[in-house]
Amino acid sequence: MAKQNIAVKRYGRRAVVTLFDIMGTLIVSLVVFSILFTYFFRIVGVDGASMQPTLQDGDMLVLSVIDDDYRRGDIIVVERTFDEPLIKRVIAVGGETIRIDEDGNVFINDKLLSEDYIQGETVLRDFPGKITVPRGSLFVMGDNRTVSKDSRSDEVGFIPIDSVVGKATYCLWPMQSIGKV
């Protein structure tokens, strides 16, 4: 009987040690995950049709929040004070001149921009036709040009770089869309 008590005590100690090991691993994992998704990455959802066909309503994206070198073609999320955040594509950066002609063709520094990702026609809206993007700002448009609220309108205008939350790097959901953005 004494041997059974010793075996039960040993088993009990092993179970407690194993439980503490599991709890420690979970706590460390949670802390690391929290740090990563607070300071390096964020997860955001796409709401609306303005980035179709590239992104769909309900897609879940991972944003890199440490990369602030935005280039033409990047998909970014912009924080706005009184409105919902915007998910848009960078079309021009500070110092570049953008022109949209009456046929909807987009030119950057007088070179036609190849845009095989767009849906719908690019209309001018409030856009004067030709303008230079101020330093420290971005000119953005949605891929679905018919419905997108973007830099072509006075409501959105140029995007100050410091209002960019991050750059979309990866799609997490839905399953058929998982991969690099």
N, C-alpha and C. Protein backbone atom coordinates (compact mmCIF):
# COMPACT_ATOMS: atom_id res chain seq x y z
N MET A 1 0.81 -1.19 0.00
CA MET A 1 0.00 0.00 0.00
C MET A 1 0.86 1.26 0.00
N ALA A 2 1.99 1.16 0.66
CA ALA A 2 2.90 2.30 0.70
C ALA A 2 3.43 2.62 -0.69
N LYS A 3 3.66 1.55 -1.47
CA LYS A 3 4.14 1.77 -2.83
C LYS A 3 3.09 2.47 -3.68
N GLN A 4 1.83 2.15 -3.47
CA GLN A 4 0.75 2.81 -4.21
C GLN A 4 0.68 4.29 -3.87
N ASN A 5 0.81 4.63 -2.60
CA ASN A 5 0.79 6.03 -2.18
C ASN A 5 1.94 6.81 -2.80
N ILE A 6 3.10 6.20 -2.85
CA ILE A 6 4.26 6.85 -3.46
C ILE A 6 3.99 7.06 -4.95
N ALA A 7 3.43 6.05 -5.62
CA ALA A 7 3.13 6.17 -7.05
C ALA A 7 2.09 7.26 -7.30
N VAL A 8 1.08 7.35 -6.46
CA VAL A 8 0.05 8.38 -6.60
C VAL A 8 0.66 9.75 -6.39
N LYS A 9 1.52 9.90 -5.41
CA LYS A 9 2.17 11.18 -5.15
C LYS A 9 3.05 11.59 -6.33
N ARG A 10 3.81 10.63 -6.86
CA ARG A 10 4.66 10.95 -8.01
C ARG A 10 3.82 11.36 -9.21
N TYR A 11 2.74 10.61 -9.47
CA TYR A 11 1.86 10.93 -10.60
C TYR A 11 1.23 12.30 -10.40
N GLY A 12 0.81 12.56 -9.17
CA GLY A 12 0.19 13.85 -8.86
C GLY A 12 1.17 14.99 -9.07
N ARG A 13 2.43 14.82 -8.65
CA ARG A 13 3.44 15.86 -8.84
C ARG A 13 3.71 16.08 -10.33
N ARG A 14 3.80 14.98 -11.08
CA ARG A 14 4.03 15.11 -12.53
C ARG A 14 2.88 15.85 -13.19
N ALA A 15 1.66 15.55 -12.80
CA ALA A 15 0.49 16.21 -13.37
C ALA A 15 0.52 17.70 -13.06
N VAL A 16 0.89 18.06 -11.85
CA VAL A 16 0.96 19.47 -11.47
C VAL A 16 2.07 20.17 -12.25
N VAL A 17 3.23 19.54 -12.35
CA VAL A 17 4.34 20.12 -13.11
C VAL A 17 3.95 20.27 -14.58
N THR A 18 3.32 19.27 -15.14
CA THR A 18 2.88 19.34 -16.54
C THR A 18 1.85 20.45 -16.72
N LEU A 19 0.92 20.58 -15.79
CA LEU A 19 -0.07 21.64 -15.86
C LEU A 19 0.59 23.02 -15.80
N PHE A 20 1.57 23.18 -14.91
CA PHE A 20 2.29 24.46 -14.82
C PHE A 20 3.08 24.72 -16.10
N ASP A 21 3.67 23.69 -16.71
CA ASP A 21 4.40 23.86 -17.97
C ASP A 21 3.45 24.33 -19.08
N ILE A 22 2.29 23.72 -19.15
CA ILE A 22 1.30 24.11 -20.17
C ILE A 22 0.83 25.53 -19.94
N MET A 23 0.52 25.88 -18.69
CA MET A 23 0.07 27.24 -18.37
C MET A 23 1.16 28.26 -18.69
N GLY A 24 2.40 27.95 -18.35
CA GLY A 24 3.52 28.85 -18.66
C GLY A 24 3.68 29.07 -20.15
N THR A 25 3.57 27.99 -20.92
CA THR A 25 3.68 28.09 -22.37
C THR A 25 2.54 28.94 -22.94
N LEU A 26 1.32 28.73 -22.44
CA LEU A 26 0.18 29.52 -22.90
C LEU A 26 0.35 31.00 -22.57
N ILE A 27 0.82 31.31 -21.37
CA ILE A 27 1.01 32.71 -20.97
C ILE A 27 2.09 33.38 -21.82
N VAL A 28 3.21 32.71 -22.01
CA VAL A 28 4.29 33.27 -22.85
C VAL A 28 3.79 33.46 -24.28
N SER A 29 3.05 32.48 -24.81
CA SER A 29 2.51 32.60 -26.17
C SER A 29 1.55 33.78 -26.28
N LEU A 30 0.71 33.96 -25.30
CA LEU A 30 -0.25 35.06 -25.28
C LEU A 30 0.47 36.42 -25.23
N VAL A 31 1.51 36.52 -24.42
CA VAL A 31 2.28 37.76 -24.33
C VAL A 31 2.97 38.06 -25.66
N VAL A 32 3.63 37.06 -26.24
CA VAL A 32 4.31 37.25 -27.53
C VAL A 32 3.29 37.64 -28.61
N PHE A 33 2.18 36.93 -28.66
CA PHE A 33 1.13 37.22 -29.64
C PHE A 33 0.62 38.65 -29.45
N SER A 34 0.40 39.06 -28.21
CA SER A 34 -0.09 40.42 -27.93
C SER A 34 0.92 41.47 -28.39
N ILE A 35 2.18 41.25 -28.11
CA ILE A 35 3.22 42.21 -28.52
C ILE A 35 3.28 42.30 -30.05
N LEU A 36 3.28 41.15 -30.72
CA LEU A 36 3.35 41.15 -32.19
C LEU A 36 2.17 41.89 -32.79
N PHE A 37 0.96 41.62 -32.29
CA PHE A 37 -0.23 42.22 -32.90
C PHE A 37 -0.57 43.60 -32.32
N THR A 38 0.26 44.11 -31.45
CA THR A 38 0.10 45.48 -30.99
C THR A 38 1.11 46.40 -31.68
N TYR A 39 2.34 45.94 -31.82
CA TYR A 39 3.41 46.80 -32.31
C TYR A 39 3.87 46.51 -33.74
N PHE A 40 3.57 45.33 -34.28
CA PHE A 40 4.09 44.97 -35.60
C PHE A 40 3.01 44.67 -36.62
N PHE A 41 1.92 44.06 -36.21
CA PHE A 41 0.87 43.66 -37.12
C PHE A 41 -0.49 44.00 -36.54
N ARG A 42 -1.47 44.14 -37.43
CA ARG A 42 -2.87 44.28 -37.02
C ARG A 42 -3.71 43.45 -37.97
N ILE A 43 -4.88 43.07 -37.51
CA ILE A 43 -5.82 42.35 -38.36
C ILE A 43 -7.02 43.26 -38.57
N VAL A 44 -7.42 43.44 -39.84
CA VAL A 44 -8.57 44.28 -40.17
C VAL A 44 -9.48 43.53 -41.13
N GLY A 45 -10.73 43.93 -41.12
CA GLY A 45 -11.70 43.36 -42.04
C GLY A 45 -12.06 44.35 -43.13
N VAL A 46 -12.31 43.83 -44.32
CA VAL A 46 -12.74 44.66 -45.45
C VAL A 46 -14.24 44.84 -45.34
N ASP A 47 -14.69 46.09 -45.44
CA ASP A 47 -16.11 46.39 -45.35
C ASP A 47 -16.50 47.18 -46.60
N GLY A 48 -17.21 46.54 -47.50
CA GLY A 48 -17.67 47.23 -48.71
C GLY A 48 -17.03 46.68 -49.98
N ALA A 49 -17.41 47.31 -51.08
CA ALA A 49 -17.02 46.82 -52.40
C ALA A 49 -15.98 47.70 -53.10
N SER A 50 -15.41 48.68 -52.42
CA SER A 50 -14.54 49.65 -53.11
C SER A 50 -13.21 49.07 -53.56
N MET A 51 -12.81 47.92 -53.05
CA MET A 51 -11.53 47.32 -53.48
C MET A 51 -11.73 46.07 -54.34
N GLN A 52 -12.96 45.83 -54.80
CA GLN A 52 -13.18 44.70 -55.70
C GLN A 52 -12.57 45.01 -57.05
N PRO A 53 -12.02 44.10 -57.76
CA PRO A 53 -12.03 42.65 -57.55
C PRO A 53 -10.89 42.13 -56.68
N THR A 54 -9.95 42.99 -56.24
CA THR A 54 -8.80 42.54 -55.47
C THR A 54 -9.20 42.00 -54.10
N LEU A 55 -10.01 42.77 -53.38
CA LEU A 55 -10.47 42.38 -52.05
C LEU A 55 -11.99 42.36 -52.04
N GLN A 56 -12.54 41.43 -51.28
CA GLN A 56 -13.99 41.29 -51.20
C GLN A 56 -14.48 41.70 -49.82
N ASP A 57 -15.74 42.09 -49.74
CA ASP A 57 -16.37 42.42 -48.47
C ASP A 57 -16.25 41.21 -47.55
N GLY A 58 -15.73 41.41 -46.34
CA GLY A 58 -15.57 40.33 -45.38
C GLY A 58 -14.18 39.71 -45.34
N ASP A 59 -13.31 40.03 -46.30
CA ASP A 59 -11.94 39.52 -46.25
C ASP A 59 -11.27 40.01 -44.97
N MET A 60 -10.42 39.19 -44.40
CA MET A 60 -9.63 39.57 -43.22
C MET A 60 -8.18 39.70 -43.65
N LEU A 61 -7.57 40.85 -43.33
CA LEU A 61 -6.21 41.15 -43.77
C LEU A 61 -5.27 41.34 -42.59
N VAL A 62 -4.00 40.99 -42.80
CA VAL A 62 -2.95 41.30 -41.85
C VAL A 62 -2.24 42.55 -42.36
N LEU A 63 -2.11 43.55 -41.49
CA LEU A 63 -1.41 44.79 -41.83
C LEU A 63 -0.05 44.80 -41.17
N SER A 64 0.95 45.25 -41.91
CA SER A 64 2.24 45.54 -41.32
C SER A 64 2.20 46.99 -40.86
N VAL A 65 2.39 47.23 -39.56
CA VAL A 65 2.32 48.60 -39.05
C VAL A 65 3.70 49.21 -38.84
N ILE A 66 4.76 48.46 -39.10
CA ILE A 66 6.10 49.00 -38.92
C ILE A 66 6.70 49.54 -40.21
N ASP A 67 6.13 49.18 -41.34
CA ASP A 67 6.66 49.61 -42.64
C ASP A 67 5.95 50.89 -43.05
N ASP A 68 6.68 52.01 -43.08
CA ASP A 68 6.06 53.28 -43.48
C ASP A 68 6.63 53.80 -44.79
N ASP A 69 7.18 52.90 -45.59
CA ASP A 69 7.68 53.26 -46.92
C ASP A 69 6.61 52.85 -47.93
N TYR A 70 5.66 53.75 -48.18
CA TYR A 70 4.53 53.42 -49.03
C TYR A 70 4.88 53.72 -50.48
N ARG A 71 4.54 52.78 -51.34
CA ARG A 71 4.85 52.89 -52.76
C ARG A 71 3.60 52.69 -53.58
N ARG A 72 3.67 53.16 -54.81
CA ARG A 72 2.55 52.99 -55.73
C ARG A 72 2.22 51.50 -55.83
N GLY A 73 0.92 51.20 -55.69
CA GLY A 73 0.45 49.82 -55.77
C GLY A 73 0.18 49.19 -54.41
N ASP A 74 0.76 49.74 -53.34
CA ASP A 74 0.51 49.20 -52.00
C ASP A 74 -0.95 49.39 -51.63
N ILE A 75 -1.50 48.42 -50.90
CA ILE A 75 -2.84 48.56 -50.34
C ILE A 75 -2.67 48.93 -48.88
N ILE A 76 -3.29 50.05 -48.49
CA ILE A 76 -3.10 50.59 -47.15
C ILE A 76 -4.45 50.78 -46.45
N VAL A 77 -4.38 50.90 -45.13
CA VAL A 77 -5.55 51.25 -44.34
C VAL A 77 -5.28 52.63 -43.75
N VAL A 78 -6.26 53.52 -43.93
CA VAL A 78 -6.14 54.90 -43.49
C VAL A 78 -7.13 55.15 -42.37
N GLU A 79 -6.62 55.66 -41.24
CA GLU A 79 -7.46 56.03 -40.11
C GLU A 79 -8.05 57.41 -40.38
N ARG A 80 -9.36 57.54 -40.16
CA ARG A 80 -10.01 58.84 -40.32
C ARG A 80 -10.70 59.20 -39.02
N THR A 81 -10.64 60.46 -38.64
CA THR A 81 -11.12 60.91 -37.34
C THR A 81 -12.59 60.60 -37.09
N PHE A 82 -13.47 61.00 -38.00
CA PHE A 82 -14.90 60.88 -37.74
C PHE A 82 -15.58 59.81 -38.60
N ASP A 83 -14.85 59.16 -39.46
CA ASP A 83 -15.43 58.16 -40.36
C ASP A 83 -14.74 56.82 -40.19
N GLU A 84 -15.30 55.82 -40.86
CA GLU A 84 -14.70 54.49 -40.86
C GLU A 84 -13.34 54.54 -41.56
N PRO A 85 -12.41 53.67 -41.16
CA PRO A 85 -11.12 53.62 -41.86
C PRO A 85 -11.32 53.24 -43.32
N LEU A 86 -10.39 53.66 -44.16
CA LEU A 86 -10.43 53.36 -45.59
C LEU A 86 -9.38 52.32 -45.94
N ILE A 87 -9.73 51.39 -46.83
CA ILE A 87 -8.75 50.48 -47.41
C ILE A 87 -8.66 50.85 -48.87
N LYS A 88 -7.48 51.32 -49.29
CA LYS A 88 -7.29 51.84 -50.66
C LYS A 88 -5.92 51.47 -51.19
N ARG A 89 -5.75 51.67 -52.49
CA ARG A 89 -4.47 51.42 -53.16
C ARG A 89 -3.75 52.75 -53.37
N VAL A 90 -2.45 52.77 -53.08
CA VAL A 90 -1.64 53.97 -53.32
C VAL A 90 -1.44 54.10 -54.83
N ILE A 91 -1.84 55.26 -55.37
CA ILE A 91 -1.71 55.54 -56.79
C ILE A 91 -0.52 56.46 -57.05
N ALA A 92 -0.32 57.43 -56.16
CA ALA A 92 0.80 58.36 -56.30
C ALA A 92 1.28 58.78 -54.92
N VAL A 93 2.58 59.05 -54.83
CA VAL A 93 3.18 59.48 -53.57
C VAL A 93 3.60 60.95 -53.68
N GLY A 94 3.99 61.54 -52.54
CA GLY A 94 4.35 62.94 -52.51
C GLY A 94 5.38 63.32 -53.57
N GLY A 95 5.11 64.43 -54.26
CA GLY A 95 6.01 64.92 -55.30
C GLY A 95 5.64 64.45 -56.70
N GLU A 96 4.80 63.42 -56.81
CA GLU A 96 4.39 62.93 -58.13
C GLU A 96 3.17 63.72 -58.62
N THR A 97 3.10 63.89 -59.93
CA THR A 97 1.96 64.56 -60.54
C THR A 97 1.04 63.50 -61.12
N ILE A 98 -0.22 63.59 -60.75
CA ILE A 98 -1.23 62.64 -61.26
C ILE A 98 -2.18 63.39 -62.17
N ARG A 99 -2.50 62.72 -63.27
CA ARG A 99 -3.46 63.28 -64.22
C ARG A 99 -4.43 62.17 -64.61
N ILE A 100 -5.70 62.51 -64.63
CA ILE A 100 -6.73 61.58 -65.11
C ILE A 100 -7.40 62.26 -66.28
N ASP A 101 -7.35 61.61 -67.45
CA ASP A 101 -7.96 62.24 -68.63
C ASP A 101 -9.45 61.91 -68.70
N GLU A 102 -10.13 62.50 -69.68
CA GLU A 102 -11.58 62.34 -69.81
C GLU A 102 -12.01 60.90 -70.12
N ASP A 103 -11.06 60.06 -70.56
CA ASP A 103 -11.37 58.65 -70.81
C ASP A 103 -11.12 57.78 -69.58
N GLY A 104 -10.67 58.39 -68.49
CA GLY A 104 -10.41 57.63 -67.27
C GLY A 104 -9.02 57.04 -67.18
N ASN A 105 -8.14 57.39 -68.10
CA ASN A 105 -6.76 56.91 -68.03
C ASN A 105 -6.01 57.70 -66.95
N VAL A 106 -5.21 57.00 -66.17
CA VAL A 106 -4.45 57.61 -65.08
C VAL A 106 -2.99 57.70 -65.50
N PHE A 107 -2.43 58.90 -65.36
CA PHE A 107 -1.03 59.15 -65.70
C PHE A 107 -0.30 59.62 -64.45
N ILE A 108 0.89 59.08 -64.22
CA ILE A 108 1.75 59.54 -63.14
C ILE A 108 3.00 60.13 -63.81
N ASN A 109 3.26 61.41 -63.54
CA ASN A 109 4.37 62.12 -64.18
C ASN A 109 4.34 61.92 -65.70
N ASP A 110 3.15 62.05 -66.27
CA ASP A 110 2.88 61.95 -67.71
C ASP A 110 3.13 60.56 -68.31
N LYS A 111 3.22 59.51 -67.48
CA LYS A 111 3.34 58.13 -67.97
C LYS A 111 2.07 57.39 -67.60
N LEU A 112 1.48 56.71 -68.58
CA LEU A 112 0.24 55.96 -68.35
C LEU A 112 0.47 54.87 -67.31
N LEU A 113 -0.39 54.84 -66.31
CA LEU A 113 -0.30 53.84 -65.25
C LEU A 113 -1.01 52.57 -65.71
N SER A 114 -0.31 51.46 -65.66
CA SER A 114 -0.91 50.17 -65.99
C SER A 114 -1.70 49.68 -64.79
N GLU A 115 -3.02 49.54 -64.95
CA GLU A 115 -3.89 49.15 -63.84
C GLU A 115 -4.76 47.96 -64.23
N ASP A 116 -4.17 46.79 -64.22
CA ASP A 116 -4.92 45.59 -64.58
C ASP A 116 -5.79 45.08 -63.44
N TYR A 117 -5.78 45.76 -62.31
CA TYR A 117 -6.52 45.34 -61.12
C TYR A 117 -7.85 46.07 -60.95
N ILE A 118 -8.17 47.04 -61.81
CA ILE A 118 -9.35 47.87 -61.55
C ILE A 118 -10.64 47.25 -62.10
N GLN A 119 -11.73 47.73 -61.52
CA GLN A 119 -13.07 47.37 -61.96
C GLN A 119 -13.83 48.68 -62.12
N GLY A 120 -14.56 48.83 -63.18
CA GLY A 120 -15.32 50.05 -63.41
C GLY A 120 -14.48 51.13 -64.08
N GLU A 121 -15.13 52.23 -64.39
CA GLU A 121 -14.46 53.33 -65.07
C GLU A 121 -13.95 54.35 -64.06
N THR A 122 -12.79 54.91 -64.35
CA THR A 122 -12.22 55.96 -63.50
C THR A 122 -12.78 57.30 -63.95
N VAL A 123 -13.67 57.84 -63.14
CA VAL A 123 -14.26 59.15 -63.45
C VAL A 123 -13.57 60.22 -62.61
N LEU A 124 -13.66 61.46 -63.05
CA LEU A 124 -12.93 62.53 -62.39
C LEU A 124 -13.52 62.95 -61.05
N ARG A 125 -14.84 62.97 -60.89
CA ARG A 125 -15.54 63.47 -59.70
C ARG A 125 -15.10 64.90 -59.42
N ASP A 126 -14.61 65.19 -58.19
CA ASP A 126 -14.18 66.54 -57.83
C ASP A 126 -12.75 66.82 -58.29
N PHE A 127 -12.09 65.81 -58.83
CA PHE A 127 -10.68 65.91 -59.20
C PHE A 127 -10.50 66.89 -60.36
N PRO A 128 -9.54 67.81 -60.26
CA PRO A 128 -9.37 68.83 -61.29
C PRO A 128 -8.75 68.32 -62.60
N GLY A 129 -8.34 67.08 -62.64
CA GLY A 129 -7.75 66.54 -63.87
C GLY A 129 -6.26 66.33 -63.76
N LYS A 130 -5.54 67.28 -63.14
CA LYS A 130 -4.10 67.15 -62.97
C LYS A 130 -3.69 67.89 -61.69
N ILE A 131 -2.87 67.22 -60.88
CA ILE A 131 -2.45 67.83 -59.62
C ILE A 131 -1.19 67.13 -59.12
N THR A 132 -0.37 67.86 -58.38
CA THR A 132 0.83 67.29 -57.77
C THR A 132 0.53 66.95 -56.32
N VAL A 133 0.90 65.74 -55.93
CA VAL A 133 0.66 65.27 -54.56
C VAL A 133 1.67 65.96 -53.64
N PRO A 134 1.20 66.59 -52.56
CA PRO A 134 2.12 67.25 -51.62
C PRO A 134 3.06 66.24 -50.96
N ARG A 135 4.26 66.68 -50.63
CA ARG A 135 5.21 65.83 -49.88
C ARG A 135 4.55 65.43 -48.56
N GLY A 136 4.80 64.19 -48.14
CA GLY A 136 4.22 63.70 -46.90
C GLY A 136 2.78 63.23 -47.05
N SER A 137 2.30 63.16 -48.30
CA SER A 137 0.93 62.73 -48.56
C SER A 137 0.89 61.65 -49.63
N LEU A 138 -0.25 61.00 -49.73
CA LEU A 138 -0.49 59.97 -50.73
C LEU A 138 -1.78 60.27 -51.47
N PHE A 139 -1.85 59.82 -52.72
CA PHE A 139 -3.09 59.87 -53.49
C PHE A 139 -3.54 58.42 -53.62
N VAL A 140 -4.75 58.12 -53.15
CA VAL A 140 -5.24 56.73 -53.13
C VAL A 140 -6.55 56.61 -53.88
N MET A 141 -6.78 55.43 -54.43
CA MET A 141 -8.06 55.11 -55.06
C MET A 141 -8.39 53.65 -54.78
N GLY A 142 -9.68 53.36 -54.77
CA GLY A 142 -10.12 51.98 -54.66
C GLY A 142 -10.02 51.30 -56.02
N ASP A 143 -9.93 50.00 -56.02
CA ASP A 143 -9.85 49.26 -57.29
C ASP A 143 -11.18 49.25 -58.02
N ASN A 144 -12.29 49.36 -57.29
CA ASN A 144 -13.61 49.44 -57.91
C ASN A 144 -13.92 50.93 -58.07
N ARG A 145 -13.49 51.50 -59.16
CA ARG A 145 -13.51 52.94 -59.36
C ARG A 145 -14.91 53.54 -59.41
N THR A 146 -15.91 52.74 -59.70
CA THR A 146 -17.28 53.25 -59.78
C THR A 146 -17.83 53.63 -58.41
N VAL A 147 -17.53 52.85 -57.38
CA VAL A 147 -18.12 53.06 -56.06
C VAL A 147 -17.16 53.63 -55.02
N SER A 148 -15.88 53.67 -55.32
CA SER A 148 -14.88 54.04 -54.33
C SER A 148 -14.91 55.52 -53.95
N LYS A 149 -14.91 55.79 -52.63
CA LYS A 149 -14.68 57.14 -52.11
C LYS A 149 -13.18 57.22 -51.88
N ASP A 150 -12.50 58.11 -52.59
CA ASP A 150 -11.05 58.13 -52.51
C ASP A 150 -10.51 59.53 -52.77
N SER A 151 -9.25 59.64 -53.09
CA SER A 151 -8.59 60.94 -53.24
C SER A 151 -9.14 61.77 -54.39
N ARG A 152 -9.95 61.20 -55.24
CA ARG A 152 -10.57 61.99 -56.32
C ARG A 152 -11.62 62.94 -55.79
N SER A 153 -12.11 62.71 -54.58
CA SER A 153 -13.18 63.56 -54.04
C SER A 153 -12.63 64.49 -52.97
N ASP A 154 -13.28 65.62 -52.81
CA ASP A 154 -12.90 66.58 -51.77
C ASP A 154 -13.12 65.99 -50.38
N GLU A 155 -14.05 65.06 -50.27
CA GLU A 155 -14.36 64.44 -48.98
C GLU A 155 -13.15 63.69 -48.41
N VAL A 156 -12.36 63.06 -49.28
CA VAL A 156 -11.19 62.29 -48.84
C VAL A 156 -9.91 63.07 -49.12
N GLY A 157 -9.68 63.44 -50.37
CA GLY A 157 -8.49 64.21 -50.73
C GLY A 157 -7.19 63.46 -50.54
N PHE A 158 -6.11 64.22 -50.36
CA PHE A 158 -4.80 63.62 -50.14
C PHE A 158 -4.76 63.00 -48.74
N ILE A 159 -4.01 61.93 -48.61
CA ILE A 159 -3.91 61.21 -47.35
C ILE A 159 -2.56 61.53 -46.71
N PRO A 160 -2.56 62.17 -45.53
CA PRO A 160 -1.29 62.39 -44.83
C PRO A 160 -0.69 61.04 -44.42
N ILE A 161 0.60 60.86 -44.64
CA ILE A 161 1.24 59.59 -44.33
C ILE A 161 1.06 59.20 -42.86
N ASP A 162 1.03 60.17 -41.97
CA ASP A 162 0.89 59.82 -40.55
C ASP A 162 -0.51 59.33 -40.17
N SER A 163 -1.46 59.36 -41.11
CA SER A 163 -2.79 58.81 -40.83
C SER A 163 -2.94 57.38 -41.36
N VAL A 164 -1.86 56.84 -41.94
CA VAL A 164 -1.90 55.46 -42.44
C VAL A 164 -1.64 54.52 -41.27
N VAL A 165 -2.57 53.58 -41.08
CA VAL A 165 -2.46 52.59 -40.01
C VAL A 165 -1.43 51.53 -40.37
N GLY A 166 -1.45 51.08 -41.63
CA GLY A 166 -0.51 50.05 -42.05
C GLY A 166 -0.75 49.62 -43.48
N LYS A 167 0.12 48.73 -43.93
CA LYS A 167 0.10 48.21 -45.29
C LYS A 167 -0.40 46.77 -45.26
N ALA A 168 -1.39 46.46 -46.12
CA ALA A 168 -1.91 45.09 -46.19
C ALA A 168 -0.85 44.18 -46.78
N THR A 169 -0.57 43.09 -46.08
CA THR A 169 0.47 42.17 -46.55
C THR A 169 -0.07 40.78 -46.86
N TYR A 170 -1.13 40.37 -46.15
CA TYR A 170 -1.57 38.99 -46.24
C TYR A 170 -3.08 38.92 -46.00
N CYS A 171 -3.75 38.06 -46.75
CA CYS A 171 -5.18 37.81 -46.54
C CYS A 171 -5.33 36.51 -45.75
N LEU A 172 -6.06 36.59 -44.62
CA LEU A 172 -6.26 35.43 -43.75
C LEU A 172 -7.57 34.70 -44.00
N TRP A 173 -8.54 35.41 -44.55
CA TRP A 173 -9.87 34.84 -44.69
C TRP A 173 -10.57 35.50 -45.84
N PRO A 174 -11.36 34.83 -46.62
CA PRO A 174 -11.80 33.44 -46.56
C PRO A 174 -10.72 32.49 -47.07
N MET A 175 -10.96 31.22 -46.86
CA MET A 175 -9.95 30.18 -47.17
C MET A 175 -9.45 30.28 -48.61
N GLN A 176 -10.34 30.53 -49.57
CA GLN A 176 -9.92 30.55 -50.97
C GLN A 176 -9.08 31.77 -51.32
N SER A 177 -9.02 32.75 -50.41
CA SER A 177 -8.24 33.98 -50.67
C SER A 177 -6.97 34.06 -49.85
N ILE A 178 -6.68 33.05 -49.05
CA ILE A 178 -5.49 33.10 -48.19
C ILE A 178 -4.24 33.26 -49.05
N GLY A 179 -3.41 34.22 -48.68
CA GLY A 179 -2.14 34.44 -49.38
C GLY A 179 -1.73 35.89 -49.35
N LYS A 180 -0.62 36.19 -50.03
CA LYS A 180 -0.12 37.57 -50.09
C LYS A 180 -1.10 38.46 -50.82
N VAL A 181 -1.18 39.71 -50.36
CA VAL A 181 -2.05 40.69 -51.01
C VAL A 181 -1.24 41.39 -52.08
